Amino acid sequence: MGAQDRKFFQQGVNMYVKAMSYSSDMLDLEPQSFSLGTPAAANPTKYGTLIAANSAANTSVAISPVGVADSPYGRNIVVTPSGVPGNANVVDVYGQDYLGQPMVERFTGSAAASAGLVGKKAFYRVLSVKNITPSTNAITVSVGTDVKLGFPYKGIIAFAREAGATILAAAITGTNQVLADLTDPATNVTGDPRGTYQAAASLNGVTKIEIELFGDGSVNAAGNGGLLGIQHFGG
């Protein structure tokens, strides 16, 4: 089954395969082409706003409707407080990757800063936000999209194409790729198990982003990893 055939990836079905070494769209030793779509500009409020950060510990707020990424393999998210928290407040964001794997990412605010907290993991669906350590100030948080795009498989970019631009040199795409995080087991603060890519062009909902990817089906000493990377931490 090819990762680009989206009809096989239904919400509620976890398609992750541990130590997967073969896929019909990642063959031989040649790089394979994948579209990362035409994602829109980063939007810090796309998935949710006015989520109370000073509510009781372990209070969960569902994202309604469910947030769905506009890139086929997900994109990273940003959590932005409406003001200074007054303490190192903590929220967890729950969701799924493009395979339907449950995933959790933890965001820890700084007592005197209201800047957006940028995530590392590529969420395809955003489901809920849980308040772990409430803020001491009466603030809210928003959840939205950032600029890094998820990958179908663990691997190395050979080069990238961005519509209207020439093919980017490997040296350039290398600086724009965040490699897969091989930490095993994954946690709520580790990076994406397949890695992410930040386009050289500004995302605008029109520019098509494509990558040529060398797949990496290697596993670690415990037999974990493969083309789909280390299993996400699901909570």
C-alpha atoms as a PDB file:
ATOM      1  CA  MET A   1       0.000   0.000   0.000  1.00  0.00           C
ATOM      2  CA  GLY A   2       1.322   3.412  -0.936  1.00  0.00           C
ATOM      3  CA  ALA A   3       1.398   6.235   1.598  1.00  0.00           C
ATOM      4  CA  GLN A   4       0.141   8.665  -1.030  1.00  0.00           C
ATOM      5  CA  ASP A   5      -3.199   6.874  -1.411  1.00  0.00           C
ATOM      6  CA  ARG A   6      -5.063   8.741   1.338  1.00  0.00           C
ATOM      7  CA  LYS A   7      -8.307   6.738   1.044  1.00  0.00           C
ATOM      8  CA  PHE A   8      -6.712   3.894   3.009  1.00  0.00           C
ATOM      9  CA  PHE A   9      -5.935   6.073   6.039  1.00  0.00           C
ATOM     10  CA  GLN A  10      -9.194   6.430   7.937  1.00  0.00           C
ATOM     11  CA  GLN A  11      -9.682   8.265  11.219  1.00  0.00           C
ATOM     12  CA  GLY A  12      -9.750   5.830  14.118  1.00  0.00           C
ATOM     13  CA  VAL A  13      -7.563   3.197  12.431  1.00  0.00           C
ATOM     14  CA  ASN A  14      -3.891   3.041  13.425  1.00  0.00           C
ATOM     15  CA  MET A  15      -1.892   2.028  10.333  1.00  0.00           C
ATOM     16  CA  TYR A  16       1.529   2.124  12.010  1.00  0.00           C
ATOM     17  CA  VAL A  17       3.696  -0.942  11.326  1.00  0.00           C
ATOM     18  CA  LYS A  18       6.597  -1.589  13.675  1.00  0.00           C
ATOM     19  CA  ALA A  19       9.993  -2.062  11.966  1.00  0.00           C
ATOM     20  CA  MET A  20       8.424  -1.778   8.493  1.00  0.00           C
ATOM     21  CA  SER A  21      11.110  -2.312   5.862  1.00  0.00           C
ATOM     22  CA  TYR A  22       9.055  -2.287   2.634  1.00  0.00           C
ATOM     23  CA  SER A  23       6.461  -0.068   0.985  1.00  0.00           C
ATOM     24  CA  SER A  24       5.209  -0.105  -2.592  1.00  0.00           C
ATOM     25  CA  ASP A  25       5.990   3.602  -2.980  1.00  0.00           C
ATOM     26  CA  MET A  26       9.497   3.431  -1.475  1.00  0.00           C
ATOM     27  CA  LEU A  27      11.364   1.016  -3.744  1.00  0.00           C
ATOM     28  CA  ASP A  28      14.992   0.138  -4.390  1.00  0.00           C
ATOM     29  CA  LEU A  29      17.752   2.641  -3.665  1.00  0.00           C
ATOM     30  CA  GLU A  30      16.447   5.534  -5.747  1.00  0.00           C
ATOM     31  CA  PRO A  31      14.776   8.578  -4.150  1.00  0.00           C
ATOM     32  CA  GLN A  32      11.001   8.592  -4.464  1.00  0.00           C
ATOM     33  CA  SER A  33       8.848  11.656  -5.057  1.00  0.00           C
ATOM     34  CA  PHE A  34       6.216  12.774  -2.535  1.00  0.00           C
ATOM     35  CA  SER A  35       3.962  15.804  -2.515  1.00  0.00           C
ATOM     36  CA  LEU A  36       3.625  17.696   0.766  1.00  0.00           C
ATOM     37  CA  GLY A  37       0.659  19.534  -0.712  1.00  0.00           C
ATOM     38  CA  THR A  38      -0.023  23.250  -1.004  1.00  0.00           C
ATOM     39  CA  PRO A  39      -0.159  24.177   2.690  1.00  0.00           C
ATOM     40  CA  ALA A  40      -1.373  27.590   3.782  1.00  0.00           C
ATOM     41  CA  ALA A  41       0.644  30.148   5.710  1.00  0.00           C
ATOM     42  CA  ALA A  42       1.156  29.462   9.400  1.00  0.00           C
ATOM     43  CA  ASN A  43      -1.971  30.264  11.410  1.00  0.00           C
ATOM     44  CA  PRO A  44      -1.522  30.310  15.220  1.00  0.00           C
ATOM     45  CA  THR A  45      -5.278  30.103  15.863  1.00  0.00           C
ATOM     46  CA  LYS A  46      -6.336  27.569  13.206  1.00  0.00           C
ATOM     47  CA  TYR A  47      -7.307  24.748  15.559  1.00  0.00           C
ATOM     48  CA  GLY A  48      -8.558  26.474  18.680  1.00  0.00           C
ATOM     49  CA  THR A  49      -8.676  29.693  20.716  1.00  0.00           C
ATOM     50  CA  LEU A  50      -9.666  30.846  24.196  1.00  0.00           C
ATOM     51  CA  ILE A  51      -8.641  27.582  25.867  1.00  0.00           C
ATOM     52  CA  ALA A  52      -8.309  28.415  29.567  1.00  0.00           C
ATOM     53  CA  ALA A  53      -4.758  27.920  30.814  1.00  0.00           C
ATOM     54  CA  ASN A  54      -5.643  28.514  34.477  1.00  0.00           C
ATOM     55  CA  SER A  55      -8.298  25.806  34.714  1.00  0.00           C
ATOM     56  CA  ALA A  56      -7.802  22.913  37.126  1.00  0.00           C
ATOM     57  CA  ALA A  57      -4.945  20.511  36.508  1.00  0.00           C
ATOM     58  CA  ASN A  58      -5.803  17.679  34.086  1.00  0.00           C
ATOM     59  CA  THR A  59      -8.749  19.554  32.589  1.00  0.00           C
ATOM     60  CA  SER A  60      -9.158  18.539  28.924  1.00  0.00           C
ATOM     61  CA  VAL A  61     -10.765  20.632  26.182  1.00  0.00           C
ATOM     62  CA  ALA A  62     -11.789  18.943  22.935  1.00  0.00           C
ATOM     63  CA  ILE A  63     -10.928  20.628  19.640  1.00  0.00           C
ATOM     64  CA  SER A  64     -14.211  20.979  17.774  1.00  0.00           C
ATOM     65  CA  PRO A  65     -14.337  20.391  14.917  1.00  0.00           C
ATOM     66  CA  VAL A  66     -11.288  18.137  14.917  1.00  0.00           C
ATOM     67  CA  GLY A  67      -8.297  19.997  13.502  1.00  0.00           C
ATOM     68  CA  VAL A  68      -6.974  18.476  10.266  1.00  0.00           C
ATOM     69  CA  ALA A  69      -3.661  19.505   8.719  1.00  0.00           C
ATOM     70  CA  ASP A  70      -3.563  20.882   5.178  1.00  0.00           C
ATOM     71  CA  SER A  71      -0.435  18.859   4.357  1.00  0.00           C
ATOM     72  CA  PRO A  72      -0.890  15.111   3.703  1.00  0.00           C
ATOM     73  CA  TYR A  73       1.639  13.968   6.302  1.00  0.00           C
ATOM     74  CA  GLY A  74       0.842  16.615   8.902  1.00  0.00           C
ATOM     75  CA  ARG A  75       2.611  19.754  10.069  1.00  0.00           C
ATOM     76  CA  ASN A  76       3.935  21.035  13.371  1.00  0.00           C
ATOM     77  CA  ILE A  77       1.793  23.118  15.692  1.00  0.00           C
ATOM     78  CA  VAL A  78       2.225  26.186  17.860  1.00  0.00           C
ATOM     79  CA  VAL A  79       0.626  26.947  21.240  1.00  0.00           C
ATOM     80  CA  THR A  80       0.332  30.656  21.961  1.00  0.00           C
ATOM     81  CA  PRO A  81      -0.644  32.153  25.350  1.00  0.00           C
ATOM     82  CA  SER A  82      -2.795  35.286  25.387  1.00  0.00           C
ATOM     83  CA  GLY A  83      -0.471  36.869  27.978  1.00  0.00           C
ATOM     84  CA  VAL A  84       2.286  36.030  30.433  1.00  0.00           C
ATOM     85  CA  PRO A  85       1.418  32.839  32.395  1.00  0.00           C
ATOM     86  CA  GLY A  86       3.017  33.927  35.667  1.00  0.00           C
ATOM     87  CA  ASN A  87       4.613  30.494  36.070  1.00  0.00           C
ATOM     88  CA  ALA A  88       5.992  27.638  33.984  1.00  0.00           C
ATOM     89  CA  ASN A  89       2.566  26.365  32.975  1.00  0.00           C
ATOM     90  CA  VAL A  90       2.268  23.139  31.002  1.00  0.00           C
ATOM     91  CA  VAL A  91      -0.266  21.934  28.430  1.00  0.00           C
ATOM     92  CA  ASP A  92      -0.358  18.694  26.457  1.00  0.00           C
ATOM     93  CA  VAL A  93      -1.805  18.543  22.948  1.00  0.00           C
ATOM     94  CA  TYR A  94      -3.345  15.226  21.864  1.00  0.00           C
ATOM     95  CA  GLY A  95      -3.805  14.140  18.298  1.00  0.00           C
ATOM     96  CA  GLN A  96      -2.835  11.661  15.587  1.00  0.00           C
ATOM     97  CA  ASP A  97      -0.225  11.463  12.868  1.00  0.00           C
ATOM     98  CA  TYR A  98      -1.177  10.711   9.248  1.00  0.00           C
ATOM     99  CA  LEU A  99      -1.127   6.975  10.022  1.00  0.00           C
ATOM    100  CA  GLY A 100      -3.669   7.375  12.806  1.00  0.00           C
ATOM    101  CA  GLN A 101      -1.114   6.847  15.581  1.00  0.00           C
ATOM    102  CA  PRO A 102      -2.093   8.525  18.856  1.00  0.00           C
ATOM    103  CA  MET A 103       0.422  11.218  19.741  1.00  0.00           C
ATOM    104  CA  VAL A 104       0.987  13.734  22.526  1.00  0.00           C
ATOM    105  CA  GLU A 105       3.226  16.777  22.600  1.00  0.00           C
ATOM    106  CA  ARG A 106       3.993  18.793  25.734  1.00  0.00           C
ATOM    107  CA  PHE A 107       4.357  22.590  25.726  1.00  0.00           C
ATOM    108  CA  THR A 108       5.862  24.383  28.725  1.00  0.00           C
ATOM    109  CA  GLY A 109       5.409  28.142  28.997  1.00  0.00           C
ATOM    110  CA  SER A 110       7.818  30.599  30.543  1.00  0.00           C
ATOM    111  CA  ALA A 111       6.527  32.616  33.489  1.00  0.00           C
ATOM    112  CA  ALA A 112       7.159  36.034  31.912  1.00  0.00           C
ATOM    113  CA  ALA A 113       6.850  35.279  28.167  1.00  0.00           C
ATOM    114  CA  SER A 114       3.844  35.224  25.877  1.00  0.00           C
ATOM    115  CA  ALA A 115       5.590  34.112  22.688  1.00  0.00           C
ATOM    116  CA  GLY A 116       4.233  31.124  20.815  1.00  0.00           C
ATOM    117  CA  LEU A 117       5.606  27.703  21.822  1.00  0.00           C
ATOM    118  CA  VAL A 118       6.630  25.889  18.649  1.00  0.00           C
ATOM    119  CA  GLY A 119       6.208  22.127  18.456  1.00  0.00           C
ATOM    120  CA  LYS A 120       8.437  19.490  16.857  1.00  0.00           C
ATOM    121  CA  LYS A 121       5.945  16.791  15.881  1.00  0.00           C
ATOM    122  CA  ALA A 122       3.899  16.675  12.660  1.00  0.00           C
ATOM    123  CA  PHE A 123       0.232  16.428  13.677  1.00  0.00           C
ATOM    124  CA  TYR A 124      -2.281  15.350  11.060  1.00  0.00           C
ATOM    125  CA  ARG A 125      -5.246  15.578  13.433  1.00  0.00           C
ATOM    126  CA  VAL A 126      -5.481  17.729  16.564  1.00  0.00           C
ATOM    127  CA  LEU A 127      -8.024  16.341  19.031  1.00  0.00           C
ATOM    128  CA  SER A 128      -7.716  17.985  22.446  1.00  0.00           C
ATOM    129  CA  VAL A 129      -5.682  20.080  24.864  1.00  0.00           C
ATOM    130  CA  LYS A 130      -5.062  19.061  28.478  1.00  0.00           C
ATOM    131  CA  ASN A 131      -4.022  21.551  31.143  1.00  0.00           C
ATOM    132  CA  ILE A 132      -1.240  19.846  33.127  1.00  0.00           C
ATOM    133  CA  THR A 133       0.151  22.708  35.245  1.00  0.00           C
ATOM    134  CA  PRO A 134      -2.322  25.618  35.367  1.00  0.00           C
ATOM    135  CA  SER A 135      -1.053  29.142  34.817  1.00  0.00           C
ATOM    136  CA  THR A 136      -1.222  31.443  37.829  1.00  0.00           C
ATOM    137  CA  ASN A 137      -2.500  34.280  35.631  1.00  0.00           C
ATOM    138  CA  ALA A 138      -5.939  34.178  34.006  1.00  0.00           C
ATOM    139  CA  ILE A 139      -4.834  33.619  30.427  1.00  0.00           C
ATOM    140  CA  THR A 140      -5.959  31.459  27.537  1.00  0.00           C
ATOM    141  CA  VAL A 141      -4.019  29.613  24.849  1.00  0.00           C
ATOM    142  CA  SER A 142      -4.537  29.188  21.122  1.00  0.00           C
ATOM    143  CA  VAL A 143      -3.459  26.198  19.043  1.00  0.00           C
ATOM    144  CA  GLY A 144      -2.549  26.533  15.388  1.00  0.00           C
ATOM    145  CA  THR A 145      -0.168  25.642  12.600  1.00  0.00           C
ATOM    146  CA  ASP A 146       3.517  26.426  12.120  1.00  0.00           C
ATOM    147  CA  VAL A 147       5.769  25.999   9.065  1.00  0.00           C
ATOM    148  CA  LYS A 148       7.339  22.518   9.274  1.00  0.00           C
ATOM    149  CA  LEU A 149       5.774  19.728   7.217  1.00  0.00           C
ATOM    150  CA  GLY A 150       5.713  16.023   8.018  1.00  0.00           C
ATOM    151  CA  PHE A 151       7.195  13.145   5.998  1.00  0.00           C
ATOM    152  CA  PRO A 152       5.604   9.869   4.882  1.00  0.00           C
ATOM    153  CA  TYR A 153       8.719   7.905   5.855  1.00  0.00           C
ATOM    154  CA  LYS A 154      11.936   8.198   7.789  1.00  0.00           C
ATOM    155  CA  GLY A 155      14.712   9.129   5.396  1.00  0.00           C
ATOM    156  CA  ILE A 156      16.960  11.744   3.818  1.00  0.00           C
ATOM    157  CA  ILE A 157      15.883  14.355   1.276  1.00  0.00           C
ATOM    158  CA  ALA A 158      17.747  14.145  -2.028  1.00  0.00           C
ATOM    159  CA  PHE A 159      16.273  17.436  -3.241  1.00  0.00           C
ATOM    160  CA  ALA A 160      13.042  19.410  -3.164  1.00  0.00           C
ATOM    161  CA  ARG A 161      10.854  21.174  -5.696  1.00  0.00           C
ATOM    162  CA  GLU A 162       8.714  24.188  -4.986  1.00  0.00           C
ATOM    163  CA  ALA A 163       6.323  25.281  -7.733  1.00  0.00           C
ATOM    164  CA  GLY A 164       7.689  28.174  -9.762  1.00  0.00           C
ATOM    165  CA  ALA A 165      11.210  27.678  -8.406  1.00  0.00           C
ATOM    166  CA  THR A 166      14.182  25.676  -9.588  1.00  0.00           C
ATOM    167  CA  ILE A 167      15.127  22.455  -7.851  1.00  0.00           C
ATOM    168  CA  LEU A 168      16.840  23.276  -4.575  1.00  0.00           C
ATOM    169  CA  ALA A 169      20.403  22.137  -4.072  1.00  0.00           C
ATOM    170  CA  ALA A 170      20.926  19.234  -1.680  1.00  0.00           C
ATOM    171  CA  ALA A 171      22.983  21.440   0.623  1.00  0.00           C
ATOM    172  CA  ILE A 172      20.046  23.828   0.955  1.00  0.00           C
ATOM    173  CA  THR A 173      17.409  21.174   1.531  1.00  0.00           C
ATOM    174  CA  GLY A 174      19.678  19.549   4.093  1.00  0.00           C
ATOM    175  CA  THR A 175      19.538  22.654   6.254  1.00  0.00           C
ATOM    176  CA  ASN A 176      15.752  22.745   5.918  1.00  0.00           C
ATOM    177  CA  GLN A 177      15.234  19.139   7.002  1.00  0.00           C
ATOM    178  CA  VAL A 178      14.934  18.131  10.636  1.00  0.00           C
ATOM    179  CA  LEU A 179      16.018  14.498  10.757  1.00  0.00           C
ATOM    180  CA  ALA A 180      13.936  11.799  12.410  1.00  0.00           C
ATOM    181  CA  ASP A 181      14.236  11.640  16.172  1.00  0.00           C
ATOM    182  CA  LEU A 182      15.505   8.128  16.989  1.00  0.00           C
ATOM    183  CA  THR A 183      14.803   8.322  20.741  1.00  0.00           C
ATOM    184  CA  ASP A 184      13.271   5.013  21.829  1.00  0.00           C
ATOM    185  CA  PRO A 185      10.824   5.035  23.418  1.00  0.00           C
ATOM    186  CA  ALA A 186       9.518   8.374  22.200  1.00  0.00           C
ATOM    187  CA  THR A 187       8.192  10.828  24.797  1.00  0.00           C
ATOM    188  CA  ASN A 188       5.905  13.852  24.805  1.00  0.00           C
ATOM    189  CA  VAL A 189       8.908  16.153  24.254  1.00  0.00           C
ATOM    190  CA  THR A 190      10.927  14.234  21.643  1.00  0.00           C
ATOM    191  CA  GLY A 191      10.960  15.253  17.984  1.00  0.00           C
ATOM    192  CA  ASP A 192       9.081  13.738  15.092  1.00  0.00           C
ATOM    193  CA  PRO A 193       9.996  10.069  14.438  1.00  0.00           C
ATOM    194  CA  ARG A 194      10.120  10.640  10.675  1.00  0.00           C
ATOM    195  CA  GLY A 195      11.421  14.199  10.655  1.00  0.00           C
ATOM    196  CA  THR A 196      10.077  17.421   9.147  1.00  0.00           C
ATOM    197  CA  TYR A 197      10.816  19.818   6.282  1.00  0.00           C
ATOM    198  CA  GLN A 198      10.603  23.607   6.238  1.00  0.00           C
ATOM    199  CA  ALA A 199      10.105  24.913   2.718  1.00  0.00           C
ATOM    200  CA  ALA A 200      12.408  27.614   1.397  1.00  0.00           C
ATOM    201  CA  ALA A 201       9.420  29.405  -0.097  1.00  0.00           C
ATOM    202  CA  SER A 202       6.790  31.015   2.109  1.00  0.00           C
ATOM    203  CA  LEU A 203       3.758  28.777   2.524  1.00  0.00           C
ATOM    204  CA  ASN A 204       0.747  30.457   0.937  1.00  0.00           C
ATOM    205  CA  GLY A 205      -1.821  27.811   0.016  1.00  0.00           C
ATOM    206  CA  VAL A 206      -0.717  27.934  -3.635  1.00  0.00           C
ATOM    207  CA  THR A 207       2.927  26.862  -3.805  1.00  0.00           C
ATOM    208  CA  LYS A 208       3.217  23.084  -4.189  1.00  0.00           C
ATOM    209  CA  ILE A 209       5.945  21.477  -2.108  1.00  0.00           C
ATOM    210  CA  GLU A 210       7.500  18.219  -3.329  1.00  0.00           C
ATOM    211  CA  ILE A 211      10.416  16.213  -1.984  1.00  0.00           C
ATOM    212  CA  GLU A 212      12.567  13.397  -3.320  1.00  0.00           C
ATOM    213  CA  LEU A 213      13.191  11.081  -0.398  1.00  0.00           C
ATOM    214  CA  PHE A 214      15.681   8.278   0.206  1.00  0.00           C
ATOM    215  CA  GLY A 215      13.870   5.949   2.611  1.00  0.00           C
ATOM    216  CA  ASP A 216      15.617   4.646   5.723  1.00  0.00           C
ATOM    217  CA  GLY A 217      14.241   1.317   6.864  1.00  0.00           C
ATOM    218  CA  SER A 218      16.910   0.707   9.492  1.00  0.00           C
ATOM    219  CA  VAL A 219      15.991  -0.452  12.981  1.00  0.00           C
ATOM    220  CA  ASN A 220      17.789  -0.024  16.290  1.00  0.00           C
ATOM    221  CA  ALA A 221      19.253  -2.728  18.530  1.00  0.00           C
ATOM    222  CA  ALA A 222      15.792  -3.386  19.994  1.00  0.00           C
ATOM    223  CA  GLY A 223      14.318  -3.959  16.530  1.00  0.00           C
ATOM    224  CA  ASN A 224      12.366  -0.694  16.559  1.00  0.00           C
ATOM    225  CA  GLY A 225      12.207   1.926  13.836  1.00  0.00           C
ATOM    226  CA  GLY A 226      11.936   1.076  10.147  1.00  0.00           C
ATOM    227  CA  LEU A 227      10.458   3.274   7.434  1.00  0.00           C
ATOM    228  CA  LEU A 228       7.722   4.613   9.741  1.00  0.00           C
ATOM    229  CA  GLY A 229      10.160   5.527  12.504  1.00  0.00           C
ATOM    230  CA  ILE A 230       9.885   4.950  16.232  1.00  0.00           C
ATOM    231  CA  GLN A 231       6.316   4.563  17.488  1.00  0.00           C
ATOM    232  CA  HIS A 232       4.823   7.857  18.710  1.00  0.00           C
ATOM    233  CA  PHE A 233       4.285   8.451  22.403  1.00  0.00           C
ATOM    234  CA  GLY A 234       0.541   8.225  22.762  1.00  0.00           C
ATOM    235  CA  GLY A 235       0.035   9.184  26.392  1.00  0.00           C
END
